[in-house]
C-alpha cells in the first residue's frame, strides 16, 4: 500500500447524461471522492465511436490501429493507470449497453500480441478493484445475470477483484430514487468501501478461517 490517492475511474455506458445509471454512478463517485480517491468519470460514447476492426488490416506501421476516436487516450491515460474501475451500464436486452460492450472489444487492439507494447498493456489491465453499477426497468433478479457474469469473468481473467455490484430499478429519469431496495445507499456504500472492503474468492482447496469477518 502506498500513501498516494487511489485512482478510481468511472466508465458510464449509458447514452443519457442524467439517467438512472448516471445517478447511481454519481452516488458512488461522490462518496469515493470524500474518502480521498482520485475520481475520473467518462461517458463511453464520448470517446468510443467506432467498433473493433480487424487488427491484421487496420494497423499502422507503428502498431497503432487507424481509428479516429478517443479510445486510445482514455485507455492509456485513465484506464491502465487506474487502481479501480467502476463500470456503469443500463441493462439492454439482458446485457450491458452496446457502448460498454464495444469498449471491452476495443481493448483487444492493445493487449493482442500484434501490438508492440502488449505486455505493458496487459500489466496495466491486471490487479484492479472492480465495481459494477446497473440500472434496469425490470425487477426480477435474472435480468442482471448477463452483465454480472461478464464483469465477473473479465475480473477473473485480469486477476482483478469484483468487489461490489449495485443495481437500481427505474424507467424514467430519476425513477431509481424511488426503488425500495435503496440502491442509492448501496451505491454510497460501494463508494465508501471500494478500496477497503474485504474480498474473497475461494476454491475447494483454499485455506480459510472459520469466520468471514474475523
Foldseek 3Di string as FASTA:
>chain_A
DDPAAAEEEEEEADPDCQAPLNLLVVLLVVLLVVLPHHYDYDYLVQFDDDADDDQVPQADPLLHGPDDGRLVVCLVVRQLRGQEYEYTAEQDPLEGDPSVVRSVRNLCSQLPPSRPPNVSSLVSNAAHQYEYEYEYQDDDPSSNPHHVVVVVVSCVVRNYFHDYYAYFHDDPRPRSPVGPVPSSVVSNVCSNCSPPDDGDDDDPPDDDDPDPPD
